[in-house]
Amino acid sequence: MLACKQYEEDLLSGTWRGSSILEANQPLDIEPSNIKLILEPSGSYRYESTLNYQEAGTYFLDQQYLYTMDTINQASTEKAVEIMLLTQDSLHLRMNEAGKERLLKMAREM
């Protein structure tokens, strides 16, 4: 369980790199280390993924949900992912991709 909101935000800030990505509890055939999420204490974020996909914009927390609003891609909408685990060195996010549950496990870059 996550602690107080300020503690979560402090713990969440940083650079995260994908370590595994699962869909229906099976590994996807992509290189997870190509996924990078940078969360700034100011509330801005940058996201990089496979196939040169990029996002940037703002984020905020509401309980166990991380909300992002991409401001560089046309017709973007607010997205929410569920934080399943947040420690000093691990971030696990549960999301929905085309009706399928995905679990993205990330490790903090030092």
N, C-alpha and C. Protein backbone atom coordinates (compact mmCIF):
# COMPACT_ATOMS: atom_id res chain seq x y z
N MET A 1 0.84 -1.17 0.00
CA MET A 1 0.00 0.00 0.00
C MET A 1 0.89 1.24 0.00
N LEU A 2 0.43 2.28 -0.67
CA LEU A 2 1.22 3.48 -0.78
C LEU A 2 0.99 4.39 0.42
N ALA A 3 2.00 5.13 0.77
CA ALA A 3 1.93 6.02 1.92
C ALA A 3 1.26 7.34 1.52
N CYS A 4 1.55 8.37 2.27
CA CYS A 4 0.92 9.67 2.00
C CYS A 4 1.28 10.19 0.61
N LYS A 5 0.45 11.09 0.09
CA LYS A 5 0.60 11.59 -1.27
C LYS A 5 1.96 12.24 -1.51
N GLN A 6 2.44 13.07 -0.62
CA GLN A 6 3.73 13.73 -0.82
C GLN A 6 4.85 12.70 -0.93
N TYR A 7 4.80 11.69 -0.11
CA TYR A 7 5.81 10.63 -0.16
C TYR A 7 5.76 9.93 -1.51
N GLU A 8 4.56 9.65 -2.01
CA GLU A 8 4.41 9.01 -3.31
C GLU A 8 5.05 9.85 -4.40
N GLU A 9 4.74 11.14 -4.41
CA GLU A 9 5.26 12.01 -5.45
C GLU A 9 6.78 12.07 -5.39
N ASP A 10 7.35 12.16 -4.19
CA ASP A 10 8.80 12.17 -4.06
C ASP A 10 9.41 10.87 -4.56
N LEU A 11 8.78 9.76 -4.23
CA LEU A 11 9.28 8.45 -4.64
C LEU A 11 9.11 8.23 -6.13
N LEU A 12 8.08 8.77 -6.70
CA LEU A 12 7.76 8.56 -8.11
C LEU A 12 8.69 9.33 -9.04
N SER A 13 9.13 10.50 -8.63
CA SER A 13 9.98 11.33 -9.49
C SER A 13 11.27 10.61 -9.82
N GLY A 14 11.69 10.74 -11.08
CA GLY A 14 12.95 10.14 -11.50
C GLY A 14 12.84 9.57 -12.90
N THR A 15 13.86 8.83 -13.27
CA THR A 15 13.91 8.20 -14.59
C THR A 15 13.73 6.70 -14.41
N TRP A 16 12.74 6.16 -15.11
CA TRP A 16 12.38 4.74 -15.04
C TRP A 16 12.58 4.08 -16.40
N ARG A 17 13.11 2.86 -16.39
CA ARG A 17 13.38 2.10 -17.62
C ARG A 17 12.65 0.76 -17.52
N GLY A 18 11.99 0.35 -18.61
CA GLY A 18 11.26 -0.91 -18.63
C GLY A 18 12.18 -2.10 -18.37
N SER A 19 11.71 -3.02 -17.53
CA SER A 19 12.46 -4.26 -17.28
C SER A 19 11.68 -5.48 -17.77
N SER A 20 10.34 -5.38 -17.82
CA SER A 20 9.53 -6.43 -18.44
C SER A 20 8.14 -5.87 -18.72
N ILE A 21 7.50 -6.47 -19.71
CA ILE A 21 6.14 -6.09 -20.04
C ILE A 21 5.35 -7.35 -20.35
N LEU A 22 4.25 -7.50 -19.63
CA LEU A 22 3.42 -8.70 -19.73
C LEU A 22 2.03 -8.35 -20.22
N GLU A 23 1.46 -9.22 -21.03
CA GLU A 23 0.07 -9.10 -21.44
C GLU A 23 -0.57 -10.45 -21.19
N ALA A 24 -1.64 -10.45 -20.41
CA ALA A 24 -2.30 -11.70 -20.00
C ALA A 24 -1.27 -12.63 -19.34
N ASN A 25 -0.41 -12.05 -18.50
CA ASN A 25 0.64 -12.76 -17.76
C ASN A 25 1.69 -13.43 -18.64
N GLN A 26 1.78 -13.04 -19.91
CA GLN A 26 2.79 -13.57 -20.82
C GLN A 26 3.68 -12.43 -21.31
N PRO A 27 5.00 -12.66 -21.41
CA PRO A 27 5.90 -11.60 -21.90
C PRO A 27 5.57 -11.23 -23.34
N LEU A 28 5.60 -9.94 -23.63
CA LEU A 28 5.42 -9.48 -25.01
C LEU A 28 6.74 -9.57 -25.75
N ASP A 29 6.67 -9.72 -27.04
CA ASP A 29 7.87 -9.86 -27.87
C ASP A 29 8.41 -8.48 -28.26
N ILE A 30 8.72 -7.68 -27.25
CA ILE A 30 9.37 -6.39 -27.47
C ILE A 30 10.48 -6.25 -26.44
N GLU A 31 11.41 -5.38 -26.72
CA GLU A 31 12.51 -5.13 -25.80
C GLU A 31 12.05 -4.11 -24.76
N PRO A 32 11.81 -4.53 -23.50
CA PRO A 32 11.28 -3.61 -22.50
C PRO A 32 12.21 -2.44 -22.18
N SER A 33 13.51 -2.60 -22.37
CA SER A 33 14.42 -1.51 -22.03
C SER A 33 14.30 -0.34 -23.00
N ASN A 34 13.56 -0.51 -24.11
CA ASN A 34 13.30 0.60 -25.03
C ASN A 34 12.25 1.56 -24.45
N ILE A 35 11.61 1.18 -23.35
CA ILE A 35 10.59 2.01 -22.72
C ILE A 35 11.22 2.81 -21.59
N LYS A 36 11.03 4.12 -21.66
CA LYS A 36 11.63 5.02 -20.66
C LYS A 36 10.58 6.05 -20.25
N LEU A 37 10.48 6.27 -18.95
CA LEU A 37 9.54 7.25 -18.39
C LEU A 37 10.31 8.16 -17.44
N ILE A 38 10.26 9.46 -17.71
CA ILE A 38 10.92 10.45 -16.86
C ILE A 38 9.82 11.29 -16.22
N LEU A 39 9.76 11.27 -14.89
CA LEU A 39 8.78 12.03 -14.12
C LEU A 39 9.51 13.09 -13.31
N GLU A 40 9.25 14.34 -13.64
CA GLU A 40 9.90 15.46 -12.96
C GLU A 40 9.09 15.87 -11.73
N PRO A 41 9.75 16.35 -10.67
CA PRO A 41 9.03 16.83 -9.49
C PRO A 41 8.06 17.98 -9.81
N SER A 42 8.30 18.69 -10.90
CA SER A 42 7.46 19.83 -11.30
C SER A 42 6.10 19.39 -11.86
N GLY A 43 5.93 18.08 -12.12
CA GLY A 43 4.68 17.59 -12.69
C GLY A 43 4.73 17.38 -14.18
N SER A 44 5.89 17.50 -14.78
CA SER A 44 6.02 17.22 -16.21
C SER A 44 6.61 15.83 -16.40
N TYR A 45 6.35 15.25 -17.57
CA TYR A 45 6.87 13.91 -17.86
C TYR A 45 7.30 13.81 -19.32
N ARG A 46 8.14 12.82 -19.59
CA ARG A 46 8.52 12.42 -20.95
C ARG A 46 8.46 10.90 -21.00
N TYR A 47 7.96 10.39 -22.10
CA TYR A 47 7.81 8.94 -22.27
C TYR A 47 8.34 8.57 -23.65
N GLU A 48 9.17 7.53 -23.70
CA GLU A 48 9.70 7.01 -24.95
C GLU A 48 9.42 5.53 -24.98
N SER A 49 9.07 5.02 -26.17
CA SER A 49 8.73 3.61 -26.30
C SER A 49 9.27 3.07 -27.61
N THR A 50 8.81 1.90 -27.96
CA THR A 50 9.25 1.26 -29.20
C THR A 50 8.76 2.04 -30.41
N LEU A 51 9.37 1.78 -31.55
CA LEU A 51 9.00 2.41 -32.82
C LEU A 51 9.07 3.94 -32.76
N ASN A 52 10.01 4.46 -31.99
CA ASN A 52 10.24 5.91 -31.86
C ASN A 52 9.02 6.68 -31.35
N TYR A 53 8.13 6.02 -30.62
CA TYR A 53 6.98 6.70 -30.05
C TYR A 53 7.43 7.58 -28.88
N GLN A 54 6.92 8.81 -28.82
CA GLN A 54 7.26 9.72 -27.74
C GLN A 54 6.04 10.49 -27.29
N GLU A 55 6.00 10.80 -26.00
CA GLU A 55 5.00 11.67 -25.40
C GLU A 55 5.73 12.61 -24.46
N ALA A 56 5.09 13.72 -24.19
CA ALA A 56 5.56 14.64 -23.15
C ALA A 56 4.38 15.49 -22.73
N GLY A 57 4.39 15.90 -21.48
CA GLY A 57 3.30 16.72 -21.00
C GLY A 57 3.32 16.82 -19.49
N THR A 58 2.13 16.72 -18.90
CA THR A 58 2.01 16.84 -17.45
C THR A 58 1.41 15.58 -16.86
N TYR A 59 1.66 15.38 -15.57
CA TYR A 59 1.11 14.23 -14.86
C TYR A 59 0.67 14.66 -13.47
N PHE A 60 -0.21 13.84 -12.89
CA PHE A 60 -0.56 14.00 -11.49
C PHE A 60 -1.00 12.66 -10.93
N LEU A 61 -0.98 12.55 -9.62
CA LEU A 61 -1.41 11.34 -8.92
C LEU A 61 -2.76 11.56 -8.28
N ASP A 62 -3.58 10.53 -8.29
CA ASP A 62 -4.82 10.51 -7.54
C ASP A 62 -4.94 9.11 -6.96
N GLN A 63 -4.65 9.00 -5.68
CA GLN A 63 -4.58 7.72 -4.97
C GLN A 63 -3.58 6.82 -5.67
N GLN A 64 -3.98 5.64 -6.16
CA GLN A 64 -3.02 4.73 -6.79
C GLN A 64 -2.94 4.90 -8.30
N TYR A 65 -3.54 5.98 -8.85
CA TYR A 65 -3.56 6.18 -10.29
C TYR A 65 -2.64 7.31 -10.71
N LEU A 66 -1.90 7.06 -11.79
CA LEU A 66 -1.02 8.05 -12.40
C LEU A 66 -1.71 8.52 -13.68
N TYR A 67 -2.04 9.81 -13.72
CA TYR A 67 -2.70 10.41 -14.88
C TYR A 67 -1.68 11.21 -15.67
N THR A 68 -1.71 11.06 -17.00
CA THR A 68 -0.83 11.82 -17.87
C THR A 68 -1.65 12.52 -18.94
N MET A 69 -1.17 13.70 -19.35
CA MET A 69 -1.78 14.44 -20.44
C MET A 69 -0.68 14.82 -21.41
N ASP A 70 -0.65 14.14 -22.54
CA ASP A 70 0.35 14.38 -23.58
C ASP A 70 0.03 15.71 -24.26
N THR A 71 1.03 16.58 -24.35
CA THR A 71 0.81 17.89 -24.98
C THR A 71 1.57 18.03 -26.29
N ILE A 72 2.23 16.97 -26.79
CA ILE A 72 2.96 17.10 -28.06
C ILE A 72 2.29 16.37 -29.21
N ASN A 73 1.43 15.40 -28.95
CA ASN A 73 0.75 14.67 -30.02
C ASN A 73 -0.66 15.21 -30.21
N GLN A 74 -1.07 15.29 -31.44
CA GLN A 74 -2.41 15.79 -31.78
C GLN A 74 -3.48 14.87 -31.22
N ALA A 75 -4.60 15.43 -30.84
CA ALA A 75 -5.78 14.67 -30.38
C ALA A 75 -5.49 13.77 -29.19
N SER A 76 -4.63 14.20 -28.31
CA SER A 76 -4.33 13.41 -27.11
C SER A 76 -5.42 13.56 -26.08
N THR A 77 -5.63 12.52 -25.31
CA THR A 77 -6.56 12.57 -24.20
C THR A 77 -5.83 12.18 -22.92
N GLU A 78 -6.42 12.51 -21.81
CA GLU A 78 -5.83 12.12 -20.53
C GLU A 78 -5.84 10.61 -20.42
N LYS A 79 -4.74 10.06 -19.93
CA LYS A 79 -4.61 8.61 -19.73
C LYS A 79 -4.39 8.35 -18.25
N ALA A 80 -4.84 7.18 -17.81
CA ALA A 80 -4.61 6.77 -16.42
C ALA A 80 -4.08 5.35 -16.41
N VAL A 81 -3.09 5.12 -15.56
CA VAL A 81 -2.57 3.78 -15.32
C VAL A 81 -2.57 3.57 -13.81
N GLU A 82 -2.68 2.33 -13.40
CA GLU A 82 -2.72 2.02 -11.97
C GLU A 82 -1.32 1.65 -11.50
N ILE A 83 -0.89 2.28 -10.42
CA ILE A 83 0.39 1.94 -9.81
C ILE A 83 0.17 0.72 -8.94
N MET A 84 0.77 -0.40 -9.33
CA MET A 84 0.63 -1.65 -8.58
C MET A 84 1.72 -1.78 -7.52
N LEU A 85 2.89 -1.21 -7.81
CA LEU A 85 4.02 -1.28 -6.88
C LEU A 85 4.87 -0.05 -7.09
N LEU A 86 5.27 0.57 -5.99
CA LEU A 86 6.17 1.71 -6.04
C LEU A 86 7.13 1.60 -4.87
N THR A 87 8.39 1.38 -5.18
CA THR A 87 9.45 1.34 -4.17
C THR A 87 10.57 2.27 -4.65
N GLN A 88 11.62 2.35 -3.89
CA GLN A 88 12.75 3.21 -4.26
C GLN A 88 13.31 2.84 -5.63
N ASP A 89 13.28 1.55 -6.00
CA ASP A 89 13.90 1.13 -7.26
C ASP A 89 12.96 0.43 -8.24
N SER A 90 11.67 0.28 -7.91
CA SER A 90 10.74 -0.42 -8.80
C SER A 90 9.42 0.33 -8.94
N LEU A 91 8.89 0.30 -10.16
CA LEU A 91 7.60 0.88 -10.46
C LEU A 91 6.87 -0.10 -11.38
N HIS A 92 5.71 -0.58 -10.93
CA HIS A 92 4.90 -1.50 -11.74
C HIS A 92 3.59 -0.80 -12.06
N LEU A 93 3.27 -0.74 -13.35
CA LEU A 93 2.07 -0.06 -13.82
C LEU A 93 1.14 -1.03 -14.53
N ARG A 94 -0.13 -1.01 -14.15
CA ARG A 94 -1.13 -1.82 -14.84
C ARG A 94 -1.92 -0.90 -15.75
N MET A 95 -2.07 -1.35 -17.00
CA MET A 95 -2.79 -0.55 -17.99
C MET A 95 -3.64 -1.44 -18.87
N ASN A 96 -4.45 -0.81 -19.70
CA ASN A 96 -5.31 -1.53 -20.62
C ASN A 96 -4.92 -1.13 -22.03
N GLU A 97 -4.59 -2.10 -22.86
CA GLU A 97 -4.22 -1.85 -24.25
C GLU A 97 -5.15 -2.65 -25.15
N ALA A 98 -6.05 -1.95 -25.83
CA ALA A 98 -7.01 -2.59 -26.73
C ALA A 98 -7.80 -3.69 -26.03
N GLY A 99 -8.22 -3.40 -24.80
CA GLY A 99 -9.05 -4.35 -24.06
C GLY A 99 -8.28 -5.45 -23.34
N LYS A 100 -6.95 -5.43 -23.44
CA LYS A 100 -6.12 -6.44 -22.77
C LYS A 100 -5.31 -5.79 -21.67
N GLU A 101 -5.22 -6.48 -20.54
CA GLU A 101 -4.45 -5.95 -19.41
C GLU A 101 -2.96 -6.15 -19.65
N ARG A 102 -2.21 -5.07 -19.42
CA ARG A 102 -0.76 -5.12 -19.51
C ARG A 102 -0.16 -4.70 -18.19
N LEU A 103 0.96 -5.32 -17.86
CA LEU A 103 1.72 -4.95 -16.68
C LEU A 103 3.12 -4.56 -17.14
N LEU A 104 3.47 -3.30 -16.91
CA LEU A 104 4.78 -2.79 -17.25
C LEU A 104 5.58 -2.67 -15.96
N LYS A 105 6.68 -3.41 -15.89
CA LYS A 105 7.57 -3.34 -14.75
C LYS A 105 8.77 -2.50 -15.14
N MET A 106 9.08 -1.52 -14.27
CA MET A 106 10.17 -0.59 -14.56
C MET A 106 11.13 -0.54 -13.39
N ALA A 107 12.38 -0.22 -13.69
CA ALA A 107 13.42 -0.06 -12.67
C ALA A 107 13.95 1.37 -12.74
N ARG A 108 14.26 1.92 -11.59
CA ARG A 108 14.80 3.29 -11.54
C ARG A 108 16.22 3.29 -12.12
N GLU A 109 16.49 4.28 -12.98
CA GLU A 109 17.85 4.46 -13.46
C GLU A 109 18.59 5.33 -12.47
N MET A 110 19.80 4.98 -12.20
CA MET A 110 20.62 5.75 -11.25
C MET A 110 21.56 6.68 -11.97
